Protein backbone atom coordinates (compact mmCIF):
# COMPACT_ATOMS: atom_id res chain seq x y z
CA MET A 1 32.65 -13.85 0.80
CA SER A 2 33.48 -11.40 3.61
CA ALA A 3 31.57 -8.26 2.37
CA GLY A 4 28.45 -9.22 4.22
CA ARG A 5 30.49 -9.97 7.49
CA PRO A 6 30.40 -7.21 10.10
CA VAL A 7 33.73 -6.21 11.77
CA GLU A 8 34.53 -8.38 14.85
CA LYS A 9 37.16 -7.53 17.51
CA LEU A 10 39.92 -10.07 17.42
CA PRO A 11 40.94 -11.46 20.88
CA LEU A 12 44.26 -10.09 22.20
CA PRO A 13 47.26 -12.37 21.56
CA ALA A 14 49.70 -13.41 24.28
CA GLU A 15 52.51 -11.37 22.54
CA VAL A 16 52.79 -8.79 19.96
CA THR A 17 55.62 -7.96 17.68
CA ILE A 18 55.76 -4.24 16.69
CA LEU A 19 58.16 -3.60 13.59
CA MET A 20 59.99 -0.41 13.58
CA ALA A 21 59.72 -0.10 9.72
CA GLN A 22 56.07 -0.47 8.94
CA HIS A 23 55.79 2.78 6.95
CA ILE A 24 57.48 4.34 3.98
CA GLY A 25 60.62 6.34 5.04
CA ALA A 26 63.15 5.98 7.95
CA PRO A 27 62.36 3.28 10.62
CA ALA A 28 61.14 4.57 14.00
CA GLU A 29 63.76 4.36 16.91
CA PRO A 30 62.65 2.50 20.13
CA LEU A 31 62.00 4.56 23.17
CA VAL A 32 61.51 1.51 25.52
CA LYS A 33 63.80 -1.28 26.69
CA LYS A 34 63.41 -4.79 27.96
CA GLY A 35 61.32 -4.94 31.10
CA ASP A 36 59.56 -1.67 30.70
CA PRO A 37 55.74 -1.59 31.37
CA VAL A 38 53.54 -0.14 28.66
CA LYS A 39 49.99 0.97 28.25
CA VAL A 40 47.73 0.96 25.16
CA GLY A 41 48.44 4.06 23.17
CA GLN A 42 51.81 4.77 24.77
CA LEU A 43 54.53 6.16 22.33
CA ILE A 44 57.12 3.35 22.26
CA ALA A 45 59.18 4.36 19.04
CA LYS A 46 59.80 7.83 17.73
CA SER A 47 60.01 8.85 14.04
CA THR A 48 63.56 9.64 12.93
CA GLY A 49 62.78 12.14 10.13
CA PHE A 50 60.10 13.99 8.22
CA VAL A 51 59.25 11.05 6.22
CA SER A 52 58.85 8.51 9.02
CA ALA A 53 56.14 7.71 11.68
CA ASN A 54 55.69 7.36 15.45
CA ILE A 55 54.79 3.99 16.75
CA HIS A 56 52.56 3.28 19.85
CA SER A 57 52.03 0.23 22.05
CA PRO A 58 48.82 -1.57 20.78
CA VAL A 59 48.54 -3.43 24.09
CA SER A 60 49.42 -3.19 27.80
CA GLY A 61 52.10 -5.39 29.22
CA VAL A 62 55.76 -5.63 29.58
CA VAL A 63 58.49 -5.25 26.93
CA ASN A 64 59.83 -8.76 26.35
CA LYS A 65 62.74 -7.82 24.15
CA ILE A 66 63.91 -5.73 21.16
CA ASP A 67 65.18 -8.01 18.40
CA ASN A 68 65.34 -8.47 14.75
CA VAL A 69 62.47 -10.57 13.30
CA PRO A 70 61.24 -11.56 9.89
CA ASP A 71 58.89 -9.09 8.31
CA THR A 72 56.09 -10.01 5.75
CA SER A 73 58.93 -10.22 2.87
CA GLY A 74 61.12 -12.36 4.95
CA TYR A 75 63.73 -9.71 5.74
CA ARG A 76 64.83 -9.33 9.35
CA ARG A 77 63.83 -5.91 10.79
CA LYS A 78 64.06 -4.44 14.27
CA ALA A 79 61.05 -4.91 16.37
CA ILE A 80 59.82 -4.50 19.90
CA LEU A 81 58.06 -7.64 21.37
CA ILE A 82 55.61 -7.00 24.16
CA LYS A 83 54.01 -9.66 26.43
CA VAL A 84 50.30 -8.77 26.86
CA GLU A 85 49.08 -8.26 30.48
CA GLY A 86 45.40 -7.08 30.53
CA ASP A 87 44.20 -4.14 28.46
CA GLU A 88 45.00 -0.88 30.30
CA TRP A 89 44.62 2.19 28.12
CA ASP A 90 46.55 5.53 28.35
CA GLU A 91 44.29 7.97 30.28
CA SER A 92 44.55 10.58 27.57
CA ILE A 93 42.56 8.45 24.99
CA ASP A 94 38.74 8.88 24.74
CA THR A 95 37.66 5.28 24.58
CA THR A 96 33.90 6.10 24.40
CA ASP A 97 31.86 5.48 21.30
CA GLU A 98 30.30 9.00 21.25
CA LEU A 99 30.67 10.72 17.95
CA VAL A 100 32.48 13.99 18.19
CA LYS A 101 31.51 16.22 15.27
CA ASP A 102 32.73 19.67 16.37
CA ILE A 103 36.36 20.23 15.15
CA SER A 104 37.90 22.54 17.50
CA LEU A 105 41.59 22.27 16.86
CA SER A 106 43.55 24.67 14.56
CA ARG A 107 45.02 23.46 11.25
CA GLU A 108 48.47 23.38 12.87
CA ASP A 109 47.35 21.56 15.90
CA ILE A 110 45.38 18.93 13.77
CA LEU A 111 48.58 18.28 11.66
CA LYS A 112 50.66 17.85 14.70
CA ARG A 113 48.22 15.42 16.28
CA ILE A 114 48.06 13.40 12.99
CA GLY A 115 51.83 13.17 13.04
CA ASP A 116 51.99 12.45 16.75
CA ALA A 117 49.53 9.60 16.18
CA GLY A 118 51.67 7.81 13.70
CA ILE A 119 49.04 7.73 11.02
CA VAL A 120 50.16 6.31 7.62
CA GLY A 121 48.23 5.48 4.36
CA MET A 122 46.16 2.42 5.35
CA GLY A 123 45.42 1.35 1.77
CA GLY A 124 48.70 -0.49 1.65
CA ALA A 125 51.17 2.25 0.61
CA THR A 126 51.92 3.24 4.23
CA PHE A 127 53.15 6.77 3.36
CA PRO A 128 53.15 9.01 6.57
CA ALA A 129 49.81 11.07 6.52
CA HIS A 130 51.22 14.19 7.87
CA VAL A 131 53.62 14.31 4.92
CA LYS A 132 50.84 14.07 2.43
CA LEU A 133 49.03 16.80 4.24
CA SER A 134 51.97 19.25 3.99
CA PRO A 135 52.32 20.23 0.35
CA PRO A 136 55.57 21.65 -0.75
CA PRO A 137 55.94 25.31 -1.19
CA GLY A 138 54.13 26.68 -4.20
CA LYS A 139 51.86 23.60 -4.45
CA ILE A 140 48.24 24.15 -3.54
CA ALA A 141 45.70 21.51 -3.07
CA GLY A 142 42.15 22.10 -4.58
CA VAL A 143 40.37 18.84 -3.99
CA LEU A 144 40.48 15.97 -1.44
CA ILE A 145 39.83 12.55 -2.87
CA ILE A 146 38.92 9.65 -0.54
CA ASN A 147 39.71 6.31 -1.88
CA GLY A 148 36.85 3.84 -1.07
CA VAL A 149 37.45 1.68 -4.21
CA GLU A 150 39.13 -1.20 -2.69
CA CYS A 151 39.64 -2.83 -6.13
CA GLU A 152 41.88 -5.60 -5.00
CA PRO A 153 39.81 -8.92 -5.27
CA TYR A 154 38.61 -10.50 -1.91
CA LEU A 155 39.37 -7.65 0.31
CA THR A 156 36.44 -5.96 2.12
CA ALA A 157 37.89 -3.93 5.00
CA ASP A 158 37.23 -0.45 3.52
CA HIS A 159 33.77 -1.69 2.50
CA ARG A 160 32.85 -2.60 6.02
CA LEU A 161 34.36 0.69 7.36
CA MET A 162 32.05 2.74 5.10
CA LEU A 163 29.05 0.72 6.16
CA GLU A 164 29.82 0.61 9.84
CA ARG A 165 31.63 3.70 10.58
CA GLY A 166 30.48 6.22 8.00
CA SER A 167 29.72 8.99 10.43
CA GLU A 168 33.27 8.96 11.83
CA LEU A 169 34.54 8.84 8.24
CA VAL A 170 32.70 11.95 7.30
CA VAL A 171 34.10 13.85 10.31
CA GLY A 172 37.49 12.53 9.43
CA ILE A 173 37.06 13.93 5.77
CA ARG A 174 35.97 17.27 7.20
CA ILE A 175 39.24 17.27 9.35
CA LEU A 176 41.31 16.47 6.31
CA MET A 177 39.61 19.33 4.31
CA LYS A 178 40.27 21.78 7.06
CA VAL A 179 44.02 20.78 7.13
CA LEU A 180 44.37 21.11 3.45
CA ASP A 181 42.16 24.23 3.21
CA VAL A 182 40.02 22.74 0.45
CA LYS A 183 36.31 23.18 -0.16
CA LYS A 184 35.78 20.05 -2.18
CA ALA A 185 36.01 16.30 -1.34
CA VAL A 186 35.07 13.41 -3.50
CA ILE A 187 34.57 9.81 -2.29
CA GLY A 188 35.36 7.43 -4.99
CA ILE A 189 33.55 4.03 -4.70
CA GLU A 190 33.19 1.34 -7.26
CA ASN A 191 29.73 0.25 -8.29
CA ASN A 192 30.06 -3.21 -6.83
CA LYS A 193 29.65 -1.65 -3.39
CA LYS A 194 26.18 -0.24 -4.03
CA ASP A 195 25.26 -0.53 -0.31
CA ALA A 196 28.26 1.59 0.58
CA ILE A 197 27.54 4.08 -2.11
CA GLU A 198 23.94 4.47 -0.75
CA ALA A 199 25.20 4.63 2.83
CA MET A 200 27.68 7.47 2.19
CA GLN A 201 25.34 9.41 -0.18
CA LYS A 202 22.99 9.64 2.73
CA LEU A 203 25.61 10.80 5.11
CA VAL A 204 27.09 13.52 2.87
CA ALA A 205 23.65 14.84 1.69
CA VAL A 206 23.89 17.39 4.57
CA GLU A 207 27.57 18.10 4.25
CA GLN A 208 28.86 21.08 2.33
CA GLY A 209 31.33 20.28 -0.59
CA ILE A 210 31.51 16.43 0.06
CA THR A 211 30.19 14.18 -2.77
CA VAL A 212 30.21 10.44 -3.61
CA GLN A 213 31.52 9.42 -7.00
CA PRO A 214 30.24 5.91 -8.13
CA LEU A 215 32.78 4.33 -10.39
CA LYS A 216 32.99 1.71 -12.90
CA VAL A 217 34.35 -1.50 -11.65
CA GLN A 218 37.91 -1.66 -13.08
CA TYR A 219 41.10 -2.90 -11.74
CA PRO A 220 43.57 -1.19 -10.56
CA GLN A 221 41.27 1.96 -10.03
CA GLY A 222 42.33 2.16 -6.41
CA GLY A 223 45.75 3.38 -7.66
CA GLU A 224 46.18 7.13 -6.79
CA LYS A 225 46.68 8.35 -10.41
CA GLN A 226 43.93 6.16 -11.79
CA LEU A 227 41.46 7.36 -9.14
CA ILE A 228 42.29 10.99 -9.74
CA ASP A 229 41.70 10.52 -13.36
CA ALA A 230 38.36 8.73 -12.72
CA CYS A 231 37.06 11.22 -10.19
CA ILE A 232 38.16 14.60 -11.55
CA GLY A 233 39.49 13.86 -15.04
CA ARG A 234 43.11 15.02 -14.37
CA GLN A 235 46.19 13.02 -15.25
CA VAL A 236 49.20 13.17 -12.96
CA PRO A 237 52.39 13.47 -15.09
CA SER A 238 55.08 10.79 -15.01
CA GLY A 239 57.25 11.03 -12.04
CA LYS A 240 55.02 13.70 -10.33
CA LEU A 241 52.77 13.44 -7.26
CA PRO A 242 49.03 14.04 -7.14
CA ILE A 243 49.62 17.63 -5.75
CA GLU A 244 50.87 18.65 -9.20
CA VAL A 245 47.29 18.50 -10.31
CA GLY A 246 45.89 20.04 -7.22
CA ALA A 247 44.75 16.67 -5.58
CA VAL A 248 45.48 14.86 -2.41
CA VAL A 249 44.31 11.18 -2.01
CA HIS A 250 43.62 9.46 1.28
CA ASN A 251 42.21 5.97 1.96
CA VAL A 252 38.94 5.44 3.83
CA GLY A 253 40.83 3.75 6.67
CA THR A 254 43.23 6.60 6.99
CA ALA A 255 40.33 9.16 7.25
CA VAL A 256 38.82 7.13 9.98
CA ALA A 257 42.18 7.03 11.82
CA VAL A 258 42.46 10.76 11.47
CA TYR A 259 39.05 11.13 13.13
CA GLU A 260 40.21 9.03 16.00
CA ALA A 261 43.53 10.82 16.35
CA VAL A 262 42.04 14.34 16.30
CA GLN A 263 38.83 13.81 18.19
CA LYS A 264 39.65 11.04 20.46
CA ASN A 265 43.44 11.41 20.82
CA LYS A 266 43.79 7.82 19.83
CA PRO A 267 47.02 6.90 17.94
CA LEU A 268 47.08 4.21 15.22
CA ILE A 269 47.16 1.00 17.07
CA GLU A 270 44.67 -1.21 15.35
CA ARG A 271 42.95 -1.70 11.93
CA VAL A 272 40.44 -3.79 10.08
CA VAL A 273 41.92 -6.84 8.40
CA THR A 274 40.05 -9.07 5.92
CA VAL A 275 40.80 -12.82 6.29
CA THR A 276 39.36 -14.96 3.51
CA GLY A 277 39.94 -17.43 0.71
CA LEU A 278 37.83 -19.87 -1.29
CA SER A 279 38.38 -22.90 1.27
CA VAL A 280 38.29 -20.71 4.43
CA GLY A 281 35.63 -21.96 6.71
CA ASN A 282 34.52 -18.70 8.27
CA PRO A 283 36.01 -15.68 6.33
CA GLY A 284 35.60 -12.39 8.10
CA ASN A 285 36.70 -8.88 8.82
CA PHE A 286 38.59 -8.31 12.18
CA MET A 287 39.65 -5.24 14.15
CA THR A 288 43.07 -6.24 14.89
CA ARG A 289 45.74 -4.72 17.13
CA ILE A 290 48.99 -3.91 15.24
CA GLY A 291 51.63 -6.64 15.91
CA THR A 292 49.20 -9.48 16.36
CA PRO A 293 50.63 -12.65 14.59
CA VAL A 294 48.94 -13.72 11.37
CA SER A 295 48.50 -17.06 12.95
CA ALA A 296 45.82 -15.55 15.26
CA LEU A 297 43.77 -14.33 12.31
CA ILE A 298 43.98 -17.71 10.67
CA ASP A 299 42.69 -19.30 13.93
CA ALA A 300 39.79 -16.88 13.98
CA VAL A 301 38.51 -18.18 10.60
CA GLY A 302 38.77 -21.75 11.55
CA GLY A 303 42.41 -22.51 10.82
CA LEU A 304 44.22 -23.31 7.52
CA PRO A 305 42.24 -25.53 5.18
CA ASP A 306 43.85 -28.85 4.14
CA ASP A 307 44.17 -27.65 0.53
CA THR A 308 46.09 -24.44 1.45
CA GLY A 309 48.86 -23.71 -1.12
CA LYS A 310 49.84 -20.17 -0.01
CA VAL A 311 49.04 -17.50 2.57
CA ILE A 312 49.16 -14.09 1.01
CA GLY A 313 49.62 -10.84 2.89
CA GLY A 314 47.27 -8.55 1.06
CA GLY A 315 45.29 -9.36 -2.15
CA PRO A 316 45.96 -11.81 -4.89
CA MET A 317 47.20 -9.15 -7.28
CA MET A 318 49.50 -7.00 -5.14
CA GLY A 319 49.93 -9.08 -2.14
CA LYS A 320 53.07 -11.10 -1.28
CA ALA A 321 53.37 -14.77 -0.02
CA LEU A 322 54.19 -15.03 3.60
CA SER A 323 57.05 -17.30 4.63
CA SER A 324 55.59 -17.69 8.07
CA LEU A 325 52.28 -17.29 9.98
CA ALA A 326 54.29 -15.77 12.81
CA VAL A 327 54.78 -12.53 10.92
CA PRO A 328 52.91 -9.56 12.54
CA VAL A 329 50.05 -7.50 11.37
CA THR A 330 51.34 -3.96 10.58
CA LYS A 331 49.74 -0.55 9.77
CA GLY A 332 49.44 -1.45 6.04
CA THR A 333 47.98 -5.10 6.54
CA SER A 334 44.65 -4.89 4.76
CA GLY A 335 44.02 -8.54 4.47
CA VAL A 336 45.19 -12.12 4.63
CA LEU A 337 44.31 -14.21 1.72
CA VAL A 338 44.48 -18.15 1.87
CA LEU A 339 44.95 -19.44 -1.59
CA PRO A 340 44.04 -23.19 -2.31
CA ASP A 341 46.92 -25.11 -3.74
CA PRO A 342 45.70 -25.25 -7.52
CA GLU A 343 45.32 -21.38 -7.36
CA ALA A 344 48.64 -20.85 -5.61
CA ARG A 345 50.81 -22.81 -8.12
CA ARG A 346 52.68 -20.87 -10.63
CA GLU A 347 52.91 -22.12 -14.14
CA LYS A 348 56.32 -22.72 -15.63
CA SER A 349 57.74 -19.59 -17.04
CA GLN A 350 58.40 -19.72 -20.81
CA SER A 351 59.90 -17.38 -23.34
CA CYS A 352 58.30 -14.10 -24.14
CA ILE A 353 56.31 -14.23 -27.37
CA ARG A 354 56.06 -10.71 -27.89
CA CYS A 355 52.25 -10.55 -27.89
CA GLY A 356 51.99 -7.20 -26.27
CA LYS A 357 49.37 -8.20 -23.75
CA CYS A 358 51.41 -6.93 -20.80
CA VAL A 359 51.75 -3.45 -22.53
CA SER A 360 48.04 -3.37 -23.21
CA ALA A 361 47.20 -4.24 -19.58
CA CYS A 362 49.60 -1.75 -17.91
CA PRO A 363 47.66 1.21 -16.40
CA MET A 364 50.68 3.30 -16.50
CA GLY A 365 51.55 2.77 -20.17
CA LEU A 366 54.78 1.07 -19.55
CA SER A 367 56.40 -1.91 -21.32
CA PRO A 368 56.73 -4.59 -18.63
CA TYR A 369 58.26 -7.22 -20.80
CA LEU A 370 61.10 -4.74 -21.50
CA LEU A 371 61.43 -3.60 -17.96
CA MET A 372 61.99 -7.30 -16.84
CA THR A 373 64.62 -7.76 -19.35
CA LEU A 374 66.40 -4.70 -18.52
CA THR A 375 66.42 -5.70 -14.78
CA GLU A 376 67.50 -9.18 -15.60
CA LYS A 377 70.42 -7.84 -17.69
CA ASP A 378 71.17 -5.08 -14.97
CA ILE A 379 70.71 -2.30 -17.55
CA LEU A 380 69.34 0.05 -14.87
CA ASP A 381 70.02 3.32 -16.64
CA ARG A 382 67.69 2.26 -19.47
CA ALA A 383 65.25 0.97 -16.95
CA GLU A 384 65.09 4.47 -15.46
CA GLU A 385 64.67 6.07 -18.81
CA GLU A 386 61.80 3.54 -19.55
CA LYS A 387 60.11 5.09 -16.28
CA ILE A 388 60.26 1.86 -14.24
CA MET A 389 59.63 3.93 -11.03
CA ASP A 390 56.16 4.81 -12.46
CA CYS A 391 55.17 1.08 -12.00
CA ILE A 392 52.37 0.88 -9.37
CA GLU A 393 53.01 -2.85 -8.89
CA CYS A 394 49.32 -3.69 -9.66
CA GLY A 395 50.24 -7.09 -11.19
CA SER A 396 48.11 -6.76 -14.36
CA CYS A 397 51.18 -7.60 -16.51
CA SER A 398 51.97 -10.85 -14.72
CA PHE A 399 48.24 -11.77 -14.66
CA THR A 400 47.73 -11.38 -18.52
CA CYS A 401 51.09 -12.90 -19.54
CA PRO A 402 50.37 -16.16 -21.59
CA SER A 403 54.04 -17.25 -21.01
CA HIS A 404 53.63 -16.99 -17.24
CA ARG A 405 56.66 -14.62 -17.03
CA PRO A 406 57.36 -13.32 -13.50
CA LEU A 407 57.20 -9.70 -14.64
CA LEU A 408 56.18 -8.09 -11.63
CA ASP A 409 58.81 -9.79 -9.43
CA TYR A 410 61.65 -8.54 -11.64
CA ILE A 411 59.98 -5.05 -12.01
CA ARG A 412 59.90 -4.71 -8.23
CA LEU A 413 63.52 -5.82 -8.19
CA GLY A 414 64.42 -3.29 -10.64
CA LYS A 415 62.52 -0.50 -8.78
CA GLY A 416 64.44 -1.19 -5.71
CA ARG A 417 67.89 -1.07 -7.51
CA VAL A 418 66.87 2.11 -9.55
CA GLY A 419 65.56 3.76 -6.47
CA GLN A 420 68.89 3.19 -4.61
CA ILE A 421 70.71 4.85 -7.49
CA MET A 422 68.37 7.78 -7.58
CA ARG A 423 68.66 8.28 -3.82
CA SER A 424 72.44 8.09 -3.93
CA ARG A 425 72.38 11.13 -6.34
CA THR A 426 70.77 13.31 -3.72
CA LYS A 427 73.31 12.44 -1.03
């Protein structure tokens, strides 16, 4: 539906809402106050730890207030609200379209610039990029894997980036290779994106050490561990990170953001967002400033269809239903999906019939039916033993369940509780 739609620039909204917690890790701390003038690209919130990320103003204007506002999950989070006035950029940012190929910065300077720019994983995980690029002592990366799979149905943001900004992507990959000191990079792309595969193969034909790996169309191949196995045949052990098998994975959008940060001194202030749905009048892909209300994206595609049942932040498998269209776009917002009412309705949950379909569907080899029960009964020590934290929240279990059990909902709840227990042990 939107794969053939080139990326359009979304007009600036009247006000943006910049959440302080739009990345994994500690929320950023505001550096501005009500009434302060800001420019595009100006640092407005500072990271508060190693696993955290800086936040920059995506617009120019005046800080309206700092308040707690609902995020995409409905929880109230601290945010900076900025009234938009014009579009004045920080003078240090190169706003030209000229491709800068030569990488002049040292590894240390590149890493610092990536951290300063507030770049996070843009495939949805939002893990701070500078942390991924800093392997722990004794761990050495041997291969960089670029995730161009975009296996979630309906979403096409990464697809369009590969088609429209492939040259910048390749430079971004070379920058990441320099930081990691690796000689090999693999771009994984599923076979349903043949135009992207062809375009990237042409671009990397003259590059040393960069290859394109066409992949079988198989959900959820965009998961890190699944992609590593598909691209290089290595399996990441339970509870371990990709670096354990010498791999580091970054999303296509992240690599382009790295190019902009290192070569153009541009922080992460905007991203491509797919807006689509079966009844949407004019689906498309939009370059959207962070903090833009979802309502502005809905307006850009012709408004909500009459048969709308739910609006999902993300895709149909891993996305979450939005409680309001006023929630802002964040660094991890890859798409907005408008579901018609018949598709949006959940069937009535029934008793588990022990069919085992959820077990067969789980890409991580877990027992979703059991993890749901353990969470319901608050048997969290057993849930931890059953490796609930290995769940990648792909939604395959809920999708295949003939009893329409809300398996993923409970597993997410259980992961949150078990995660709290695990963190308490390290304090």
